[in-house]
Amino acid sequence: TATSVFIIAFVAAPPVDIDGIREPVAGSLLYGNNIISGAVIPSSAAIGIHFYPIWEAASLDEWLYNGGP
């Protein structure tokens, strides 16, 4: 369900590059945030316009960092 996916993302989502300047933004608890400062950060600043297929990335980490799903 959506609730369980949100909770997993809130706890363990990797940092993402949301504005293209190679500065990852982390919002999950595993990356040093607490309950107050934690957030689920969108994977792309242009959701719906930006498409980065997994086969274009050199690794899974690169795909997640640059937008992912």
C-alpha atoms as a PDB file:
ATOM      1  CA  THR A   1       0.000   0.000   0.000  1.00  0.00           C
ATOM      2  CA  ALA A   2       0.974   3.628  -0.298  1.00  0.00           C
ATOM      3  CA  THR A   3       1.433   3.990   3.447  1.00  0.00           C
ATOM      4  CA  SER A   4       4.002   1.219   3.665  1.00  0.00           C
ATOM      5  CA  VAL A   5       5.950   2.582   0.668  1.00  0.00           C
ATOM      6  CA  PHE A   6       5.993   6.050   2.255  1.00  0.00           C
ATOM      7  CA  ILE A   7       7.267   4.648   5.565  1.00  0.00           C
ATOM      8  CA  ILE A   8      10.035   2.674   3.825  1.00  0.00           C
ATOM      9  CA  ALA A   9      11.060   5.777   1.841  1.00  0.00           C
ATOM     10  CA  PHE A  10      10.991   7.940   4.985  1.00  0.00           C
ATOM     11  CA  VAL A  11      13.348   5.521   6.730  1.00  0.00           C
ATOM     12  CA  ALA A  12      15.691   4.369   3.955  1.00  0.00           C
ATOM     13  CA  ALA A  13      15.440   6.380   0.711  1.00  0.00           C
ATOM     14  CA  PRO A  14      18.832   7.310  -0.812  1.00  0.00           C
ATOM     15  CA  PRO A  15      19.880  10.935  -1.441  1.00  0.00           C
ATOM     16  CA  VAL A  16      18.883  12.331  -4.845  1.00  0.00           C
ATOM     17  CA  ASP A  17      20.095  15.178  -7.069  1.00  0.00           C
ATOM     18  CA  ILE A  18      16.923  17.259  -7.395  1.00  0.00           C
ATOM     19  CA  ASP A  19      18.262  20.381  -9.087  1.00  0.00           C
ATOM     20  CA  GLY A  20      21.055  19.118 -11.346  1.00  0.00           C
ATOM     21  CA  ILE A  21      24.039  20.661  -9.540  1.00  0.00           C
ATOM     22  CA  ARG A  22      25.401  17.350  -8.231  1.00  0.00           C
ATOM     23  CA  GLU A  23      24.543  18.137  -4.624  1.00  0.00           C
ATOM     24  CA  PRO A  24      22.509  15.228  -3.254  1.00  0.00           C
ATOM     25  CA  VAL A  25      19.614  16.002  -0.943  1.00  0.00           C
ATOM     26  CA  ALA A  26      18.859  13.384   1.710  1.00  0.00           C
ATOM     27  CA  GLY A  27      15.637  13.276   3.650  1.00  0.00           C
ATOM     28  CA  SER A  28      15.482   9.797   5.162  1.00  0.00           C
ATOM     29  CA  LEU A  29      16.220   8.791   8.729  1.00  0.00           C
ATOM     30  CA  LEU A  30      19.189   6.599   7.739  1.00  0.00           C
ATOM     31  CA  TYR A  31      20.972   9.651   6.308  1.00  0.00           C
ATOM     32  CA  GLY A  32      21.030  11.664   9.530  1.00  0.00           C
ATOM     33  CA  ASN A  33      17.597  13.246   9.688  1.00  0.00           C
ATOM     34  CA  ASN A  34      15.258  12.955  12.639  1.00  0.00           C
ATOM     35  CA  ILE A  35      11.465  12.728  12.770  1.00  0.00           C
ATOM     36  CA  ILE A  36      11.140  16.531  12.560  1.00  0.00           C
ATOM     37  CA  SER A  37      13.599  17.179   9.698  1.00  0.00           C
ATOM     38  CA  GLY A  38      12.911  13.980   7.738  1.00  0.00           C
ATOM     39  CA  ALA A  39      11.147  14.140   4.390  1.00  0.00           C
ATOM     40  CA  VAL A  40      10.429  12.032   1.334  1.00  0.00           C
ATOM     41  CA  ILE A  41      12.105  14.032  -1.430  1.00  0.00           C
ATOM     42  CA  PRO A  42      10.736  13.731  -4.969  1.00  0.00           C
ATOM     43  CA  SER A  43      13.072  11.874  -7.299  1.00  0.00           C
ATOM     44  CA  SER A  44      13.046  14.605  -9.946  1.00  0.00           C
ATOM     45  CA  ALA A  45      12.268  18.304 -10.073  1.00  0.00           C
ATOM     46  CA  ALA A  46      10.329  17.640 -13.280  1.00  0.00           C
ATOM     47  CA  ILE A  47       8.262  14.583 -12.426  1.00  0.00           C
ATOM     48  CA  GLY A  48       6.311  13.593 -15.501  1.00  0.00           C
ATOM     49  CA  ILE A  49       8.708  15.357 -17.879  1.00  0.00           C
ATOM     50  CA  HIS A  50      12.042  13.846 -16.871  1.00  0.00           C
ATOM     51  CA  PHE A  51      12.582  10.229 -17.967  1.00  0.00           C
ATOM     52  CA  TYR A  52      15.787   8.449 -17.007  1.00  0.00           C
ATOM     53  CA  PRO A  53      15.547   4.754 -17.885  1.00  0.00           C
ATOM     54  CA  ILE A  54      17.563   2.281 -15.836  1.00  0.00           C
ATOM     55  CA  TRP A  55      19.337   0.925 -18.932  1.00  0.00           C
ATOM     56  CA  GLU A  56      20.924   4.359 -19.547  1.00  0.00           C
ATOM     57  CA  ALA A  57      22.700   4.326 -16.169  1.00  0.00           C
ATOM     58  CA  ALA A  58      26.088   2.747 -15.521  1.00  0.00           C
ATOM     59  CA  SER A  59      24.913   1.388 -12.164  1.00  0.00           C
ATOM     60  CA  LEU A  60      21.854   1.177  -9.950  1.00  0.00           C
ATOM     61  CA  ASP A  61      23.378   3.795  -7.620  1.00  0.00           C
ATOM     62  CA  GLU A  62      23.763   6.248 -10.518  1.00  0.00           C
ATOM     63  CA  TRP A  63      20.168   5.653 -11.595  1.00  0.00           C
ATOM     64  CA  LEU A  64      18.821   6.275  -8.083  1.00  0.00           C
ATOM     65  CA  TYR A  65      21.044   9.352  -7.635  1.00  0.00           C
ATOM     66  CA  ASN A  66      19.918  10.940 -10.909  1.00  0.00           C
ATOM     67  CA  GLY A  67      16.219  10.447 -10.507  1.00  0.00           C
ATOM     68  CA  GLY A  68      15.453   6.772 -10.450  1.00  0.00           C
ATOM     69  CA  PRO A  69      11.837   5.737 -10.424  1.00  0.00           C
END
